[in-house]
Amino acid sequence: MTKTIFQKIIDRELPAEIVFEDEEIIAFWDITPAAPIHILIVPKKLITSINDIKDEDKKLIGKMFLIAKDLAKEYKINENGFRTVFNTNDDGGQTVYHLHLHLLGGRKMSWPPG
């Protein structure tokens, strides 16, 4: 199986501007931002999409949201508001098949998206 771009970032084969990392999760700036703050929060464990989350991943997925909350506070978008997004499969806009949570903020978000 070919490594995803995110796995290459995790393995330090590609550069990224990392804003958080521990043994389970890495977070870095999106290279094609859709907002002034656009950070990707990625588990180091390869989970292809939401469709592939297992019961054993519950704690990991919850941790991704806690990291999003902490990063929103760090980048001062927590009070005005922000958006978190998982894209799933082609129709959902997923382009990298390694689960990742988008943290978007720093501007007014519209609805409906896309």
N, C-alpha and C. Protein backbone atom coordinates (compact mmCIF):
# COMPACT_ATOMS: atom_id res chain seq x y z
N MET A 1 0.83 -1.18 0.00
CA MET A 1 0.00 0.00 0.00
C MET A 1 0.88 1.25 0.00
N THR A 2 0.55 2.20 -0.85
CA THR A 2 1.29 3.45 -0.93
C THR A 2 0.96 4.33 0.26
N LYS A 3 1.97 4.97 0.80
CA LYS A 3 1.76 5.86 1.94
C LYS A 3 0.97 7.09 1.51
N THR A 4 0.08 7.54 2.38
CA THR A 4 -0.61 8.80 2.12
C THR A 4 0.34 9.95 2.40
N ILE A 5 -0.02 11.12 1.91
CA ILE A 5 0.79 12.31 2.19
C ILE A 5 0.89 12.55 3.69
N PHE A 6 -0.18 12.22 4.44
CA PHE A 6 -0.14 12.43 5.89
C PHE A 6 0.82 11.45 6.55
N GLN A 7 0.86 10.20 6.07
CA GLN A 7 1.80 9.24 6.63
C GLN A 7 3.23 9.68 6.34
N LYS A 8 3.46 10.27 5.18
CA LYS A 8 4.80 10.78 4.86
C LYS A 8 5.17 11.94 5.77
N ILE A 9 4.19 12.77 6.15
CA ILE A 9 4.46 13.85 7.11
C ILE A 9 4.76 13.26 8.48
N ILE A 10 3.96 12.30 8.92
CA ILE A 10 4.19 11.63 10.20
C ILE A 10 5.58 11.02 10.24
N ASP A 11 6.00 10.40 9.14
CA ASP A 11 7.30 9.73 9.06
C ASP A 11 8.45 10.71 8.74
N ARG A 12 8.13 11.98 8.64
CA ARG A 12 9.10 13.05 8.36
C ARG A 12 9.76 12.91 6.98
N GLU A 13 9.01 12.31 6.06
CA GLU A 13 9.48 12.23 4.68
C GLU A 13 9.07 13.46 3.90
N LEU A 14 8.07 14.18 4.38
CA LEU A 14 7.63 15.46 3.81
C LEU A 14 7.55 16.49 4.91
N PRO A 15 7.87 17.74 4.59
CA PRO A 15 7.81 18.77 5.63
C PRO A 15 6.37 19.23 5.89
N ALA A 16 6.16 19.74 7.08
CA ALA A 16 4.89 20.34 7.45
C ALA A 16 5.15 21.28 8.61
N GLU A 17 4.30 22.28 8.73
CA GLU A 17 4.40 23.21 9.85
C GLU A 17 3.55 22.65 10.99
N ILE A 18 4.20 21.87 11.83
CA ILE A 18 3.53 21.14 12.90
C ILE A 18 3.22 22.07 14.07
N VAL A 19 1.97 22.00 14.56
CA VAL A 19 1.56 22.84 15.69
C VAL A 19 1.27 22.01 16.94
N PHE A 20 1.15 20.70 16.78
CA PHE A 20 0.93 19.79 17.91
C PHE A 20 1.39 18.40 17.49
N GLU A 21 1.96 17.70 18.46
CA GLU A 21 2.30 16.30 18.22
C GLU A 21 2.47 15.59 19.55
N ASP A 22 1.93 14.38 19.62
CA ASP A 22 2.23 13.46 20.70
C ASP A 22 2.35 12.07 20.10
N GLU A 23 2.27 11.04 20.90
CA GLU A 23 2.50 9.69 20.39
C GLU A 23 1.36 9.19 19.50
N GLU A 24 0.17 9.82 19.58
CA GLU A 24 -0.99 9.33 18.84
C GLU A 24 -1.47 10.24 17.72
N ILE A 25 -1.19 11.54 17.84
CA ILE A 25 -1.79 12.53 16.94
C ILE A 25 -0.76 13.57 16.53
N ILE A 26 -0.91 14.05 15.31
CA ILE A 26 -0.11 15.16 14.81
C ILE A 26 -1.07 16.20 14.22
N ALA A 27 -0.75 17.46 14.37
CA ALA A 27 -1.57 18.53 13.80
C ALA A 27 -0.65 19.52 13.11
N PHE A 28 -1.07 19.98 11.93
CA PHE A 28 -0.24 20.88 11.14
C PHE A 28 -1.11 21.76 10.27
N TRP A 29 -0.52 22.85 9.78
CA TRP A 29 -1.23 23.79 8.91
C TRP A 29 -1.54 23.15 7.57
N ASP A 30 -2.75 23.36 7.08
CA ASP A 30 -3.14 22.89 5.75
C ASP A 30 -2.38 23.71 4.71
N ILE A 31 -1.88 23.07 3.67
CA ILE A 31 -1.11 23.79 2.64
C ILE A 31 -2.01 24.53 1.65
N THR A 32 -3.29 24.21 1.65
CA THR A 32 -4.26 24.95 0.83
C THR A 32 -5.41 25.42 1.73
N PRO A 33 -5.14 26.42 2.56
CA PRO A 33 -6.13 26.82 3.58
C PRO A 33 -7.42 27.39 3.00
N ALA A 34 -8.52 27.02 3.64
CA ALA A 34 -9.84 27.53 3.29
C ALA A 34 -10.29 28.62 4.26
N ALA A 35 -9.43 28.95 5.21
CA ALA A 35 -9.70 30.00 6.20
C ALA A 35 -8.36 30.47 6.75
N PRO A 36 -8.32 31.63 7.40
CA PRO A 36 -7.05 32.10 7.98
C PRO A 36 -6.41 31.10 8.93
N ILE A 37 -7.24 30.41 9.71
CA ILE A 37 -6.76 29.31 10.55
C ILE A 37 -7.31 28.03 9.92
N HIS A 38 -6.43 27.17 9.45
CA HIS A 38 -6.85 25.89 8.86
C HIS A 38 -5.79 24.86 9.23
N ILE A 39 -6.10 24.12 10.28
CA ILE A 39 -5.18 23.12 10.82
C ILE A 39 -5.80 21.74 10.61
N LEU A 40 -4.97 20.79 10.24
CA LEU A 40 -5.40 19.40 10.09
C LEU A 40 -4.92 18.61 11.31
N ILE A 41 -5.85 17.89 11.92
CA ILE A 41 -5.56 17.08 13.10
C ILE A 41 -5.67 15.63 12.65
N VAL A 42 -4.55 14.90 12.72
CA VAL A 42 -4.44 13.60 12.07
C VAL A 42 -3.97 12.54 13.08
N PRO A 43 -4.71 11.44 13.19
CA PRO A 43 -4.19 10.36 14.03
C PRO A 43 -3.00 9.69 13.33
N LYS A 44 -2.03 9.27 14.10
CA LYS A 44 -0.89 8.58 13.51
C LYS A 44 -1.28 7.18 13.05
N LYS A 45 -2.29 6.62 13.68
CA LYS A 45 -2.83 5.33 13.25
C LYS A 45 -3.57 5.56 11.95
N LEU A 46 -3.33 4.73 10.96
CA LEU A 46 -4.04 4.87 9.69
C LEU A 46 -5.47 4.37 9.83
N ILE A 47 -6.39 5.30 9.74
CA ILE A 47 -7.81 5.01 9.64
C ILE A 47 -8.21 5.69 8.35
N THR A 48 -8.70 4.95 7.38
CA THR A 48 -8.92 5.50 6.05
C THR A 48 -9.98 6.59 6.02
N SER A 49 -11.12 6.37 6.69
CA SER A 49 -12.19 7.37 6.72
C SER A 49 -13.07 7.11 7.93
N ILE A 50 -14.06 7.94 8.13
CA ILE A 50 -15.02 7.71 9.23
C ILE A 50 -15.62 6.31 9.12
N ASN A 51 -15.83 5.84 7.91
CA ASN A 51 -16.41 4.51 7.71
C ASN A 51 -15.54 3.39 8.31
N ASP A 52 -14.29 3.68 8.59
CA ASP A 52 -13.36 2.66 9.07
C ASP A 52 -13.03 2.80 10.56
N ILE A 53 -13.69 3.72 11.26
CA ILE A 53 -13.48 3.86 12.70
C ILE A 53 -14.06 2.63 13.39
N LYS A 54 -13.31 2.11 14.35
CA LYS A 54 -13.76 0.94 15.12
C LYS A 54 -14.02 1.36 16.57
N ASP A 55 -14.71 0.52 17.30
CA ASP A 55 -14.99 0.81 18.72
C ASP A 55 -13.71 1.15 19.47
N GLU A 56 -12.63 0.46 19.15
CA GLU A 56 -11.36 0.68 19.85
C GLU A 56 -10.77 2.07 19.57
N ASP A 57 -11.31 2.78 18.58
CA ASP A 57 -10.80 4.11 18.22
C ASP A 57 -11.54 5.25 18.92
N LYS A 58 -12.54 4.94 19.73
CA LYS A 58 -13.36 5.99 20.35
C LYS A 58 -12.52 7.02 21.11
N LYS A 59 -11.61 6.56 21.92
CA LYS A 59 -10.78 7.47 22.72
C LYS A 59 -9.91 8.35 21.81
N LEU A 60 -9.36 7.77 20.77
CA LEU A 60 -8.52 8.51 19.83
C LEU A 60 -9.32 9.60 19.12
N ILE A 61 -10.52 9.28 18.68
CA ILE A 61 -11.36 10.25 17.97
C ILE A 61 -11.76 11.38 18.93
N GLY A 62 -12.12 11.02 20.14
CA GLY A 62 -12.44 12.04 21.14
C GLY A 62 -11.26 12.95 21.42
N LYS A 63 -10.07 12.37 21.47
CA LYS A 63 -8.86 13.16 21.71
C LYS A 63 -8.63 14.16 20.58
N MET A 64 -8.98 13.79 19.35
CA MET A 64 -8.83 14.72 18.23
C MET A 64 -9.65 15.98 18.47
N PHE A 65 -10.87 15.82 18.99
CA PHE A 65 -11.71 16.99 19.27
C PHE A 65 -11.18 17.81 20.43
N LEU A 66 -10.61 17.17 21.44
CA LEU A 66 -10.01 17.93 22.55
C LEU A 66 -8.81 18.74 22.06
N ILE A 67 -8.04 18.17 21.16
CA ILE A 67 -6.91 18.90 20.58
C ILE A 67 -7.43 20.08 19.75
N ALA A 68 -8.50 19.86 18.98
CA ALA A 68 -9.10 20.96 18.21
C ALA A 68 -9.53 22.09 19.14
N LYS A 69 -10.16 21.74 20.26
CA LYS A 69 -10.59 22.75 21.23
C LYS A 69 -9.39 23.53 21.76
N ASP A 70 -8.31 22.83 22.12
CA ASP A 70 -7.12 23.48 22.65
C ASP A 70 -6.45 24.37 21.61
N LEU A 71 -6.38 23.89 20.37
CA LEU A 71 -5.77 24.70 19.30
C LEU A 71 -6.63 25.93 18.99
N ALA A 72 -7.94 25.78 19.03
CA ALA A 72 -8.83 26.93 18.81
C ALA A 72 -8.56 28.00 19.87
N LYS A 73 -8.37 27.58 21.10
CA LYS A 73 -8.06 28.53 22.16
C LYS A 73 -6.68 29.15 21.94
N GLU A 74 -5.70 28.33 21.60
CA GLU A 74 -4.34 28.82 21.37
C GLU A 74 -4.29 29.86 20.25
N TYR A 75 -5.07 29.64 19.19
CA TYR A 75 -5.06 30.56 18.05
C TYR A 75 -6.18 31.60 18.13
N LYS A 76 -6.81 31.68 19.31
CA LYS A 76 -7.77 32.73 19.65
C LYS A 76 -8.98 32.79 18.71
N ILE A 77 -9.46 31.60 18.33
CA ILE A 77 -10.70 31.54 17.54
C ILE A 77 -11.82 30.88 18.33
N ASN A 78 -11.54 30.54 19.57
CA ASN A 78 -12.53 29.82 20.38
C ASN A 78 -13.72 30.70 20.76
N GLU A 79 -13.52 31.97 20.97
CA GLU A 79 -14.64 32.82 21.41
C GLU A 79 -15.52 33.26 20.24
N ASN A 80 -14.94 33.65 19.13
CA ASN A 80 -15.74 34.07 17.97
C ASN A 80 -16.36 32.87 17.26
N GLY A 81 -15.70 31.74 17.32
CA GLY A 81 -16.23 30.53 16.72
C GLY A 81 -15.32 29.93 15.67
N PHE A 82 -15.55 28.67 15.44
CA PHE A 82 -14.74 27.91 14.48
C PHE A 82 -15.56 26.73 13.99
N ARG A 83 -15.02 26.05 13.01
CA ARG A 83 -15.70 24.88 12.44
C ARG A 83 -14.73 23.70 12.47
N THR A 84 -15.27 22.51 12.76
CA THR A 84 -14.52 21.27 12.63
C THR A 84 -15.23 20.42 11.60
N VAL A 85 -14.44 19.77 10.74
CA VAL A 85 -15.02 19.02 9.62
C VAL A 85 -14.23 17.74 9.39
N PHE A 86 -14.97 16.64 9.23
CA PHE A 86 -14.44 15.41 8.66
C PHE A 86 -15.09 15.26 7.30
N ASN A 87 -14.30 15.12 6.24
CA ASN A 87 -14.83 14.80 4.92
C ASN A 87 -14.73 13.29 4.74
N THR A 88 -15.76 12.69 4.15
CA THR A 88 -15.76 11.24 3.99
C THR A 88 -16.07 10.85 2.55
N ASN A 89 -15.11 10.17 1.95
CA ASN A 89 -15.20 9.66 0.58
C ASN A 89 -15.37 10.77 -0.45
N ASP A 90 -15.45 10.39 -1.71
CA ASP A 90 -15.42 11.36 -2.81
C ASP A 90 -16.52 12.41 -2.73
N ASP A 91 -17.76 11.98 -2.57
CA ASP A 91 -18.87 12.94 -2.53
C ASP A 91 -18.79 13.85 -1.32
N GLY A 92 -18.14 13.41 -0.27
CA GLY A 92 -17.97 14.23 0.93
C GLY A 92 -16.77 15.15 0.85
N GLY A 93 -16.00 15.06 -0.24
CA GLY A 93 -14.85 15.95 -0.42
C GLY A 93 -13.54 15.42 0.13
N GLN A 94 -13.48 14.16 0.51
CA GLN A 94 -12.23 13.61 1.03
C GLN A 94 -11.24 13.41 -0.11
N THR A 95 -10.05 13.98 0.05
CA THR A 95 -9.02 13.84 -0.98
C THR A 95 -7.82 13.03 -0.50
N VAL A 96 -7.62 12.97 0.81
CA VAL A 96 -6.56 12.14 1.39
C VAL A 96 -7.24 11.07 2.22
N TYR A 97 -7.00 9.82 1.88
CA TYR A 97 -7.67 8.72 2.57
C TYR A 97 -6.88 8.26 3.79
N HIS A 98 -6.75 9.21 4.70
CA HIS A 98 -6.20 9.03 6.05
C HIS A 98 -7.02 10.00 6.88
N LEU A 99 -7.83 9.47 7.77
CA LEU A 99 -8.75 10.28 8.56
C LEU A 99 -8.08 11.55 9.07
N HIS A 100 -8.76 12.68 8.96
CA HIS A 100 -8.24 13.94 9.48
C HIS A 100 -9.39 14.89 9.77
N LEU A 101 -9.20 15.68 10.81
CA LEU A 101 -10.18 16.65 11.25
C LEU A 101 -9.68 18.03 10.87
N HIS A 102 -10.49 18.77 10.11
CA HIS A 102 -10.15 20.14 9.76
C HIS A 102 -10.60 21.06 10.88
N LEU A 103 -9.74 21.94 11.33
CA LEU A 103 -10.08 23.02 12.25
C LEU A 103 -9.98 24.31 11.46
N LEU A 104 -11.11 24.98 11.28
CA LEU A 104 -11.18 26.19 10.45
C LEU A 104 -11.71 27.35 11.27
N GLY A 105 -11.08 28.51 11.13
CA GLY A 105 -11.56 29.69 11.83
C GLY A 105 -10.83 30.94 11.37
N GLY A 106 -11.13 32.03 12.06
CA GLY A 106 -10.51 33.30 11.72
C GLY A 106 -11.31 34.11 10.72
N ARG A 107 -12.47 33.61 10.35
CA ARG A 107 -13.40 34.35 9.49
C ARG A 107 -14.79 33.80 9.74
N LYS A 108 -15.78 34.53 9.31
CA LYS A 108 -17.18 34.10 9.42
C LYS A 108 -17.40 32.94 8.47
N MET A 109 -17.96 31.85 8.97
CA MET A 109 -18.27 30.69 8.15
C MET A 109 -19.71 30.81 7.66
N SER A 110 -19.95 30.42 6.43
CA SER A 110 -21.30 30.48 5.89
C SER A 110 -21.93 29.08 5.91
N TRP A 111 -23.22 29.06 5.71
CA TRP A 111 -23.94 27.79 5.67
C TRP A 111 -25.00 27.88 4.59
N PRO A 112 -25.18 26.92 3.75
CA PRO A 112 -24.49 25.64 3.79
C PRO A 112 -23.08 25.75 3.20
N PRO A 113 -22.19 24.86 3.65
CA PRO A 113 -20.83 24.87 3.11
C PRO A 113 -20.82 24.27 1.71
N GLY A 114 -19.73 24.54 0.97
CA GLY A 114 -19.46 23.95 -0.34
C GLY A 114 -20.63 23.78 -1.16
